[in-house]
Amino acid sequence: MSNTQKSESIIANKAYSFALEIIALYKQLISEKKEFVLSKQILRSGTSIGANVNEALSAQSKRDFVHKLSISLKEARETN
Protein backbone atom coordinates (compact mmCIF):
# COMPACT_ATOMS: atom_id res chain seq x y z
CA MET A 1 0.00 0.00 0.00
CA SER A 2 1.28 3.46 -0.78
CA ASN A 3 1.53 6.28 1.75
CA THR A 4 -1.52 7.92 0.18
CA GLN A 5 -3.60 4.81 0.80
CA LYS A 6 -2.36 4.59 4.39
CA SER A 7 -3.31 8.19 5.14
CA GLU A 8 -6.80 7.53 3.77
CA SER A 9 -7.38 4.49 5.99
CA ILE A 10 -10.39 5.14 8.22
CA ILE A 11 -9.10 2.65 10.78
CA ALA A 12 -5.63 4.21 10.87
CA ASN A 13 -7.10 7.69 11.24
CA LYS A 14 -9.39 6.57 14.07
CA ALA A 15 -6.53 4.76 15.80
CA TYR A 16 -4.41 7.92 15.56
CA SER A 17 -7.19 10.08 17.03
CA PHE A 18 -7.71 7.51 19.77
CA ALA A 19 -4.00 7.53 20.59
CA LEU A 20 -4.10 11.32 20.98
CA GLU A 21 -7.03 10.97 23.38
CA ILE A 22 -5.19 8.26 25.31
CA ILE A 23 -2.14 10.52 25.65
CA ALA A 24 -4.35 13.33 26.98
CA LEU A 25 -5.97 10.91 29.45
CA TYR A 26 -2.54 9.69 30.57
CA LYS A 27 -1.38 13.25 31.20
CA GLN A 28 -4.54 13.99 33.18
CA LEU A 29 -4.21 10.84 35.27
CA ILE A 30 -0.62 11.49 36.25
CA SER A 31 -1.07 15.20 36.94
CA GLU A 32 -4.48 15.32 38.64
CA LYS A 33 -4.92 11.87 40.12
CA LYS A 34 -1.26 11.00 40.69
CA GLU A 35 -2.01 7.57 39.20
CA PHE A 36 1.15 6.16 37.64
CA VAL A 37 0.82 2.39 37.29
CA LEU A 38 -2.50 1.94 35.49
CA SER A 39 -2.05 5.15 33.50
CA LYS A 40 1.22 3.84 32.07
CA GLN A 41 -0.46 0.60 30.99
CA ILE A 42 -3.35 2.48 29.37
CA LEU A 43 -0.79 4.59 27.52
CA ARG A 44 1.05 1.50 26.25
CA SER A 45 -1.99 -0.50 25.17
CA GLY A 46 -3.95 2.46 23.82
CA THR A 47 -1.16 3.76 21.62
CA SER A 48 -0.10 0.31 20.40
CA ILE A 49 -3.46 -0.09 18.63
CA GLY A 50 -2.42 2.42 15.97
CA ALA A 51 1.07 0.96 15.71
CA ASN A 52 -0.38 -2.46 14.97
CA VAL A 53 -2.89 -1.03 12.48
CA ASN A 54 -0.02 0.62 10.63
CA GLU A 55 1.88 -2.67 10.66
CA ALA A 56 -1.20 -4.38 9.22
CA LEU A 57 -1.39 -1.84 6.40
CA SER A 58 2.15 -2.86 5.46
CA ALA A 59 1.49 -6.57 5.79
CA GLN A 60 3.15 -8.97 3.39
CA SER A 61 0.14 -11.23 3.07
CA LYS A 62 -3.55 -11.43 3.93
CA ARG A 63 -2.70 -13.76 6.80
CA ASP A 64 -0.13 -11.28 8.14
CA PHE A 65 -2.71 -8.46 7.80
CA VAL A 66 -5.34 -10.39 9.77
CA HIS A 67 -2.81 -11.35 12.43
CA LYS A 68 -1.69 -7.76 12.99
CA LEU A 69 -5.24 -6.46 13.12
CA SER A 70 -6.10 -9.16 15.65
CA ILE A 71 -3.26 -7.86 17.83
CA SER A 72 -4.81 -4.39 17.56
CA LEU A 73 -8.13 -5.82 18.70
CA LYS A 74 -6.48 -7.44 21.72
CA GLU A 75 -4.83 -4.14 22.63
CA ALA A 76 -8.18 -2.37 22.29
CA ARG A 77 -9.79 -4.89 24.65
CA GLU A 78 -6.96 -4.44 27.12
CA THR A 79 -7.33 -0.68 26.97
CA ASN A 80 -11.05 -0.98 27.58
PDB file of N, CA and C in Angstrom:
ATOM      1  N   MET A   1       0.823  -1.163   0.000  1.00  0.00           N
ATOM      2  CA  MET A   1       0.000   0.000   0.000  1.00  0.00           C
ATOM      3  C   MET A   1       0.878   1.241   0.000  1.00  0.00           C
ATOM      4  N   SER A   2       0.498   2.238  -0.736  1.00  0.00           N
ATOM      5  CA  SER A   2       1.284   3.461  -0.779  1.00  0.00           C
ATOM      6  C   SER A   2       0.958   4.337   0.423  1.00  0.00           C
ATOM      7  N   ASN A   3       1.774   5.370   0.636  1.00  0.00           N
ATOM      8  CA  ASN A   3       1.534   6.282   1.752  1.00  0.00           C
ATOM      9  C   ASN A   3       0.196   6.988   1.621  1.00  0.00           C
ATOM     10  N   THR A   4      -0.228   7.278   0.398  1.00  0.00           N
ATOM     11  CA  THR A   4      -1.516   7.924   0.184  1.00  0.00           C
ATOM     12  C   THR A   4      -2.637   7.021   0.673  1.00  0.00           C
ATOM     13  N   GLN A   5      -2.564   5.745   0.355  1.00  0.00           N
ATOM     14  CA  GLN A   5      -3.598   4.814   0.799  1.00  0.00           C
ATOM     15  C   GLN A   5      -3.609   4.694   2.317  1.00  0.00           C
ATOM     16  N   LYS A   6      -2.433   4.690   2.943  1.00  0.00           N
ATOM     17  CA  LYS A   6      -2.362   4.593   4.395  1.00  0.00           C
ATOM     18  C   LYS A   6      -3.016   5.798   5.045  1.00  0.00           C
ATOM     19  N   SER A   7      -2.755   6.997   4.516  1.00  0.00           N
ATOM     20  CA  SER A   7      -3.310   8.194   5.136  1.00  0.00           C
ATOM     21  C   SER A   7      -4.817   8.273   4.950  1.00  0.00           C
ATOM     22  N   GLU A   8      -5.367   7.531   4.008  1.00  0.00           N
ATOM     23  CA  GLU A   8      -6.799   7.530   3.774  1.00  0.00           C
ATOM     24  C   GLU A   8      -7.503   6.383   4.500  1.00  0.00           C
ATOM     25  N   SER A   9      -6.786   5.599   5.252  1.00  0.00           N
ATOM     26  CA  SER A   9      -7.376   4.488   5.988  1.00  0.00           C
ATOM     27  C   SER A   9      -8.210   5.018   7.155  1.00  0.00           C
ATOM     28  N   ILE A  10      -9.494   4.705   7.144  1.00  0.00           N
ATOM     29  CA  ILE A  10     -10.387   5.137   8.215  1.00  0.00           C
ATOM     30  C   ILE A  10      -9.923   4.559   9.545  1.00  0.00           C
ATOM     31  N   ILE A  11      -9.541   3.295   9.542  1.00  0.00           N
ATOM     32  CA  ILE A  11      -9.101   2.646  10.782  1.00  0.00           C
ATOM     33  C   ILE A  11      -7.827   3.305  11.311  1.00  0.00           C
ATOM     34  N   ALA A  12      -6.873   3.570  10.437  1.00  0.00           N
ATOM     35  CA  ALA A  12      -5.628   4.207  10.867  1.00  0.00           C
ATOM     36  C   ALA A  12      -5.900   5.604  11.412  1.00  0.00           C
ATOM     37  N   ASN A  13      -6.771   6.348  10.760  1.00  0.00           N
ATOM     38  CA  ASN A  13      -7.103   7.692  11.236  1.00  0.00           C
ATOM     39  C   ASN A  13      -7.782   7.648  12.597  1.00  0.00           C
ATOM     40  N   LYS A  14      -8.698   6.702  12.781  1.00  0.00           N
ATOM     41  CA  LYS A  14      -9.386   6.573  14.065  1.00  0.00           C
ATOM     42  C   LYS A  14      -8.416   6.126  15.159  1.00  0.00           C
ATOM     43  N   ALA A  15      -7.517   5.222  14.818  1.00  0.00           N
ATOM     44  CA  ALA A  15      -6.531   4.755  15.796  1.00  0.00           C
ATOM     45  C   ALA A  15      -5.611   5.905  16.214  1.00  0.00           C
ATOM     46  N   TYR A  16      -5.260   6.757  15.262  1.00  0.00           N
ATOM     47  CA  TYR A  16      -4.409   7.915  15.561  1.00  0.00           C
ATOM     48  C   TYR A  16      -5.140   8.879  16.491  1.00  0.00           C
ATOM     49  N   SER A  17      -6.393   9.187  16.175  1.00  0.00           N
ATOM     50  CA  SER A  17      -7.193  10.079  17.027  1.00  0.00           C
ATOM     51  C   SER A  17      -7.354   9.492  18.423  1.00  0.00           C
ATOM     52  N   PHE A  18      -7.572   8.184  18.478  1.00  0.00           N
ATOM     53  CA  PHE A  18      -7.714   7.510  19.768  1.00  0.00           C
ATOM     54  C   PHE A  18      -6.418   7.614  20.566  1.00  0.00           C
ATOM     55  N   ALA A  19      -5.294   7.432  19.906  1.00  0.00           N
ATOM     56  CA  ALA A  19      -4.000   7.530  20.587  1.00  0.00           C
ATOM     57  C   ALA A  19      -3.800   8.922  21.174  1.00  0.00           C
ATOM     58  N   LEU A  20      -4.209   9.954  20.454  1.00  0.00           N
ATOM     59  CA  LEU A  20      -4.096  11.315  20.977  1.00  0.00           C
ATOM     60  C   LEU A  20      -4.962  11.497  22.224  1.00  0.00           C
ATOM     61  N   GLU A  21      -6.160  10.908  22.206  1.00  0.00           N
ATOM     62  CA  GLU A  21      -7.034  10.974  23.383  1.00  0.00           C
ATOM     63  C   GLU A  21      -6.439  10.200  24.558  1.00  0.00           C
ATOM     64  N   ILE A  22      -5.831   9.064  24.259  1.00  0.00           N
ATOM     65  CA  ILE A  22      -5.186   8.262  25.313  1.00  0.00           C
ATOM     66  C   ILE A  22      -4.030   9.031  25.941  1.00  0.00           C
ATOM     67  N   ILE A  23      -3.266   9.723  25.131  1.00  0.00           N
ATOM     68  CA  ILE A  23      -2.144  10.517  25.653  1.00  0.00           C
ATOM     69  C   ILE A  23      -2.663  11.631  26.563  1.00  0.00           C
ATOM     70  N   ALA A  24      -3.751  12.277  26.147  1.00  0.00           N
ATOM     71  CA  ALA A  24      -4.350  13.330  26.978  1.00  0.00           C
ATOM     72  C   ALA A  24      -4.861  12.742  28.301  1.00  0.00           C
ATOM     73  N   LEU A  25      -5.488  11.575  28.238  1.00  0.00           N
ATOM     74  CA  LEU A  25      -5.969  10.905  29.449  1.00  0.00           C
ATOM     75  C   LEU A  25      -4.800  10.560  30.366  1.00  0.00           C
ATOM     76  N   TYR A  26      -3.740  10.038  29.789  1.00  0.00           N
ATOM     77  CA  TYR A  26      -2.541   9.690  30.566  1.00  0.00           C
ATOM     78  C   TYR A  26      -2.008  10.914  31.306  1.00  0.00           C
ATOM     79  N   LYS A  27      -1.893  12.025  30.588  1.00  0.00           N
ATOM     80  CA  LYS A  27      -1.385  13.255  31.203  1.00  0.00           C
ATOM     81  C   LYS A  27      -2.290  13.718  32.343  1.00  0.00           C
ATOM     82  N   GLN A  28      -3.595  13.604  32.137  1.00  0.00           N
ATOM     83  CA  GLN A  28      -4.540  13.990  33.178  1.00  0.00           C
ATOM     84  C   GLN A  28      -4.417  13.076  34.400  1.00  0.00           C
ATOM     85  N   LEU A  29      -4.307  11.783  34.162  1.00  0.00           N
ATOM     86  CA  LEU A  29      -4.214  10.840  35.275  1.00  0.00           C
ATOM     87  C   LEU A  29      -2.961  11.056  36.114  1.00  0.00           C
ATOM     88  N   ILE A  30      -1.845  11.327  35.461  1.00  0.00           N
ATOM     89  CA  ILE A  30      -0.619  11.493  36.249  1.00  0.00           C
ATOM     90  C   ILE A  30      -0.558  12.855  36.926  1.00  0.00           C
ATOM     91  N   SER A  31      -1.150  13.870  36.320  1.00  0.00           N
ATOM     92  CA  SER A  31      -1.066  15.199  36.938  1.00  0.00           C
ATOM     93  C   SER A  31      -2.142  15.425  37.996  1.00  0.00           C
ATOM     94  N   GLU A  32      -3.383  15.038  37.713  1.00  0.00           N
ATOM     95  CA  GLU A  32      -4.480  15.322  38.638  1.00  0.00           C
ATOM     96  C   GLU A  32      -4.715  14.217  39.663  1.00  0.00           C
ATOM     97  N   LYS A  33      -4.597  12.986  39.240  1.00  0.00           N
ATOM     98  CA  LYS A  33      -4.918  11.866  40.124  1.00  0.00           C
ATOM     99  C   LYS A  33      -3.686  11.219  40.741  1.00  0.00           C
ATOM    100  N   LYS A  34      -2.522  11.590  40.233  1.00  0.00           N
ATOM    101  CA  LYS A  34      -1.258  10.998  40.692  1.00  0.00           C
ATOM    102  C   LYS A  34      -1.287   9.472  40.558  1.00  0.00           C
ATOM    103  N   GLU A  35      -1.900   9.012  39.483  1.00  0.00           N
ATOM    104  CA  GLU A  35      -2.005   7.574  39.199  1.00  0.00           C
ATOM    105  C   GLU A  35      -0.951   7.240  38.149  1.00  0.00           C
ATOM    106  N   PHE A  36       0.023   6.410  38.517  1.00  0.00           N
ATOM    107  CA  PHE A  36       1.153   6.159  37.636  1.00  0.00           C
ATOM    108  C   PHE A  36       1.184   4.756  37.042  1.00  0.00           C
ATOM    109  N   VAL A  37       0.698   3.769  37.750  1.00  0.00           N
ATOM    110  CA  VAL A  37       0.820   2.385  37.286  1.00  0.00           C
ATOM    111  C   VAL A  37      -0.192   2.084  36.186  1.00  0.00           C
ATOM    112  N   LEU A  38      -1.473   2.235  36.486  1.00  0.00           N
ATOM    113  CA  LEU A  38      -2.503   1.939  35.485  1.00  0.00           C
ATOM    114  C   LEU A  38      -2.443   2.905  34.312  1.00  0.00           C
ATOM    115  N   SER A  39      -2.117   4.171  34.583  1.00  0.00           N
ATOM    116  CA  SER A  39      -2.051   5.148  33.495  1.00  0.00           C
ATOM    117  C   SER A  39      -0.961   4.773  32.484  1.00  0.00           C
ATOM    118  N   LYS A  40       0.129   4.254  32.968  1.00  0.00           N
ATOM    119  CA  LYS A  40       1.219   3.837  32.074  1.00  0.00           C
ATOM    120  C   LYS A  40       0.770   2.662  31.194  1.00  0.00           C
ATOM    121  N   GLN A  41       0.027   1.743  31.766  1.00  0.00           N
ATOM    122  CA  GLN A  41      -0.463   0.595  30.992  1.00  0.00           C
ATOM    123  C   GLN A  41      -1.497   1.028  29.965  1.00  0.00           C
ATOM    124  N   ILE A  42      -2.376   1.949  30.333  1.00  0.00           N
ATOM    125  CA  ILE A  42      -3.349   2.477  29.372  1.00  0.00           C
ATOM    126  C   ILE A  42      -2.625   3.163  28.222  1.00  0.00           C
ATOM    127  N   LEU A  43      -1.583   3.913  28.555  1.00  0.00           N
ATOM    128  CA  LEU A  43      -0.792   4.586  27.518  1.00  0.00           C
ATOM    129  C   LEU A  43      -0.177   3.571  26.556  1.00  0.00           C
ATOM    130  N   ARG A  44       0.401   2.510  27.106  1.00  0.00           N
ATOM    131  CA  ARG A  44       1.046   1.496  26.252  1.00  0.00           C
ATOM    132  C   ARG A  44       0.043   0.770  25.367  1.00  0.00           C
ATOM    133  N   SER A  45      -1.034   0.277  25.959  1.00  0.00           N
ATOM    134  CA  SER A  45      -1.995  -0.503  25.173  1.00  0.00           C
ATOM    135  C   SER A  45      -2.788   0.380  24.218  1.00  0.00           C
ATOM    136  N   GLY A  46      -3.150   1.575  24.661  1.00  0.00           N
ATOM    137  CA  GLY A  46      -3.950   2.460  23.821  1.00  0.00           C
ATOM    138  C   GLY A  46      -3.218   2.997  22.612  1.00  0.00           C
ATOM    139  N   THR A  47      -1.925   3.249  22.763  1.00  0.00           N
ATOM    140  CA  THR A  47      -1.157   3.757  21.622  1.00  0.00           C
ATOM    141  C   THR A  47      -0.646   2.630  20.720  1.00  0.00           C
ATOM    142  N   SER A  48      -0.582   1.422  21.240  1.00  0.00           N
ATOM    143  CA  SER A  48      -0.103   0.314  20.402  1.00  0.00           C
ATOM    144  C   SER A  48      -1.149  -0.126  19.385  1.00  0.00           C
ATOM    145  N   ILE A  49      -2.414   0.252  19.598  1.00  0.00           N
ATOM    146  CA  ILE A  49      -3.461  -0.088  18.626  1.00  0.00           C
ATOM    147  C   ILE A  49      -3.081   0.483  17.264  1.00  0.00           C
ATOM    148  N   GLY A  50      -2.782   1.765  17.225  1.00  0.00           N
ATOM    149  CA  GLY A  50      -2.417   2.415  15.967  1.00  0.00           C
ATOM    150  C   GLY A  50      -1.139   1.870  15.363  1.00  0.00           C
ATOM    151  N   ALA A  51      -0.182   1.532  16.218  1.00  0.00           N
ATOM    152  CA  ALA A  51       1.074   0.963  15.708  1.00  0.00           C
ATOM    153  C   ALA A  51       0.810  -0.364  15.005  1.00  0.00           C
ATOM    154  N   ASN A  52      -0.058  -1.179  15.585  1.00  0.00           N
ATOM    155  CA  ASN A  52      -0.378  -2.464  14.966  1.00  0.00           C
ATOM    156  C   ASN A  52      -1.242  -2.307  13.714  1.00  0.00           C
ATOM    157  N   VAL A  53      -2.110  -1.314  13.697  1.00  0.00           N
ATOM    158  CA  VAL A  53      -2.890  -1.033  12.479  1.00  0.00           C
ATOM    159  C   VAL A  53      -1.945  -0.636  11.351  1.00  0.00           C
ATOM    160  N   ASN A  54      -0.982   0.224  11.664  1.00  0.00           N
ATOM    161  CA  ASN A  54      -0.017   0.617  10.635  1.00  0.00           C
ATOM    162  C   ASN A  54       0.818  -0.567  10.155  1.00  0.00           C
ATOM    163  N   GLU A  55       1.174  -1.446  11.056  1.00  0.00           N
ATOM    164  CA  GLU A  55       1.882  -2.667  10.660  1.00  0.00           C
ATOM    165  C   GLU A  55       1.007  -3.513   9.741  1.00  0.00           C
ATOM    166  N   ALA A  56      -0.271  -3.599  10.053  1.00  0.00           N
ATOM    167  CA  ALA A  56      -1.199  -4.383   9.224  1.00  0.00           C
ATOM    168  C   ALA A  56      -1.295  -3.794   7.821  1.00  0.00           C
ATOM    169  N   LEU A  57      -1.302  -2.484   7.722  1.00  0.00           N
ATOM    170  CA  LEU A  57      -1.389  -1.842   6.404  1.00  0.00           C
ATOM    171  C   LEU A  57      -0.164  -2.132   5.546  1.00  0.00           C
ATOM    172  N   SER A  58       0.931  -2.501   6.189  1.00  0.00           N
ATOM    173  CA  SER A  58       2.153  -2.857   5.457  1.00  0.00           C
ATOM    174  C   SER A  58       2.388  -4.357   5.429  1.00  0.00           C
ATOM    175  N   ALA A  59       1.355  -5.114   5.715  1.00  0.00           N
ATOM    176  CA  ALA A  59       1.485  -6.573   5.791  1.00  0.00           C
ATOM    177  C   ALA A  59       1.936  -7.171   4.464  1.00  0.00           C
ATOM    178  N   GLN A  60       2.624  -8.295   4.562  1.00  0.00           N
ATOM    179  CA  GLN A  60       3.149  -8.971   3.388  1.00  0.00           C
ATOM    180  C   GLN A  60       2.169  -9.964   2.797  1.00  0.00           C
ATOM    181  N   SER A  61       1.142 -10.293   3.564  1.00  0.00           N
ATOM    182  CA  SER A  61       0.136 -11.235   3.074  1.00  0.00           C
ATOM    183  C   SER A  61      -1.185 -10.967   3.788  1.00  0.00           C
ATOM    184  N   LYS A  62      -2.246 -11.577   3.279  1.00  0.00           N
ATOM    185  CA  LYS A  62      -3.548 -11.434   3.928  1.00  0.00           C
ATOM    186  C   LYS A  62      -3.498 -12.015   5.338  1.00  0.00           C
ATOM    187  N   ARG A  63      -2.832 -13.120   5.486  1.00  0.00           N
ATOM    188  CA  ARG A  63      -2.703 -13.762   6.802  1.00  0.00           C
ATOM    189  C   ARG A  63      -1.967 -12.856   7.785  1.00  0.00           C
ATOM    190  N   ASP A  64      -0.899 -12.219   7.322  1.00  0.00           N
ATOM    191  CA  ASP A  64      -0.132 -11.279   8.143  1.00  0.00           C
ATOM    192  C   ASP A  64      -1.004 -10.078   8.514  1.00  0.00           C
ATOM    193  N   PHE A  65      -1.788  -9.576   7.571  1.00  0.00           N
ATOM    194  CA  PHE A  65      -2.708  -8.462   7.796  1.00  0.00           C
ATOM    195  C   PHE A  65      -3.705  -8.805   8.896  1.00  0.00           C
ATOM    196  N   VAL A  66      -4.347  -9.961   8.777  1.00  0.00           N
ATOM    197  CA  VAL A  66      -5.338 -10.389   9.767  1.00  0.00           C
ATOM    198  C   VAL A  66      -4.692 -10.556  11.136  1.00  0.00           C
ATOM    199  N   HIS A  67      -3.512 -11.134  11.170  1.00  0.00           N
ATOM    200  CA  HIS A  67      -2.807 -11.348  12.434  1.00  0.00           C
ATOM    201  C   HIS A  67      -2.528 -10.018  13.134  1.00  0.00           C
ATOM    202  N   LYS A  68      -2.036  -9.046  12.393  1.00  0.00           N
ATOM    203  CA  LYS A  68      -1.689  -7.758  12.994  1.00  0.00           C
ATOM    204  C   LYS A  68      -2.928  -6.992  13.435  1.00  0.00           C
ATOM    205  N   LEU A  69      -4.002  -7.103  12.679  1.00  0.00           N
ATOM    206  CA  LEU A  69      -5.243  -6.457  13.115  1.00  0.00           C
ATOM    207  C   LEU A  69      -5.810  -7.147  14.350  1.00  0.00           C
ATOM    208  N   SER A  70      -5.615  -8.456  14.459  1.00  0.00           N
ATOM    209  CA  SER A  70      -6.103  -9.156  15.655  1.00  0.00           C
ATOM    210  C   SER A  70      -5.315  -8.717  16.889  1.00  0.00           C
ATOM    211  N   ILE A  71      -4.054  -8.393  16.720  1.00  0.00           N
ATOM    212  CA  ILE A  71      -3.264  -7.861  17.831  1.00  0.00           C
ATOM    213  C   ILE A  71      -3.827  -6.499  18.240  1.00  0.00           C
ATOM    214  N   SER A  72      -4.195  -5.682  17.257  1.00  0.00           N
ATOM    215  CA  SER A  72      -4.811  -4.390  17.557  1.00  0.00           C
ATOM    216  C   SER A  72      -6.097  -4.565  18.353  1.00  0.00           C
ATOM    217  N   LEU A  73      -6.883  -5.543  17.974  1.00  0.00           N
ATOM    218  CA  LEU A  73      -8.128  -5.821  18.695  1.00  0.00           C
ATOM    219  C   LEU A  73      -7.848  -6.216  20.145  1.00  0.00           C
ATOM    220  N   LYS A  74      -6.837  -7.050  20.354  1.00  0.00           N
ATOM    221  CA  LYS A  74      -6.476  -7.444  21.718  1.00  0.00           C
ATOM    222  C   LYS A  74      -6.040  -6.239  22.545  1.00  0.00           C
ATOM    223  N   GLU A  75      -5.277  -5.362  21.924  1.00  0.00           N
ATOM    224  CA  GLU A  75      -4.828  -4.145  22.631  1.00  0.00           C
ATOM    225  C   GLU A  75      -6.014  -3.245  22.949  1.00  0.00           C
ATOM    226  N   ALA A  76      -6.981  -3.178  22.049  1.00  0.00           N
ATOM    227  CA  ALA A  76      -8.183  -2.372  22.293  1.00  0.00           C
ATOM    228  C   ALA A  76      -8.973  -2.941  23.473  1.00  0.00           C
ATOM    229  N   ARG A  77      -9.089  -4.252  23.522  1.00  0.00           N
ATOM    230  CA  ARG A  77      -9.788  -4.893  24.648  1.00  0.00           C
ATOM    231  C   ARG A  77      -9.056  -4.640  25.958  1.00  0.00           C
ATOM    232  N   GLU A  78      -7.741  -4.698  25.914  1.00  0.00           N
ATOM    233  CA  GLU A  78      -6.956  -4.440  27.120  1.00  0.00           C
ATOM    234  C   GLU A  78      -7.133  -2.996  27.567  1.00  0.00           C
ATOM    235  N   THR A  79      -7.154  -2.085  26.640  1.00  0.00           N
ATOM    236  CA  THR A  79      -7.329  -0.675  26.971  1.00  0.00           C
ATOM    237  C   THR A  79      -8.703  -0.435  27.594  1.00  0.00           C
ATOM    238  N   ASN A  80      -9.694  -1.116  27.045  1.00  0.00           N
ATOM    239  CA  ASN A  80     -11.053  -0.979  27.575  1.00  0.00           C
ATOM    240  C   ASN A  80     -11.119  -1.482  29.007  1.00  0.00           C
TER     241      ASN A  80
END
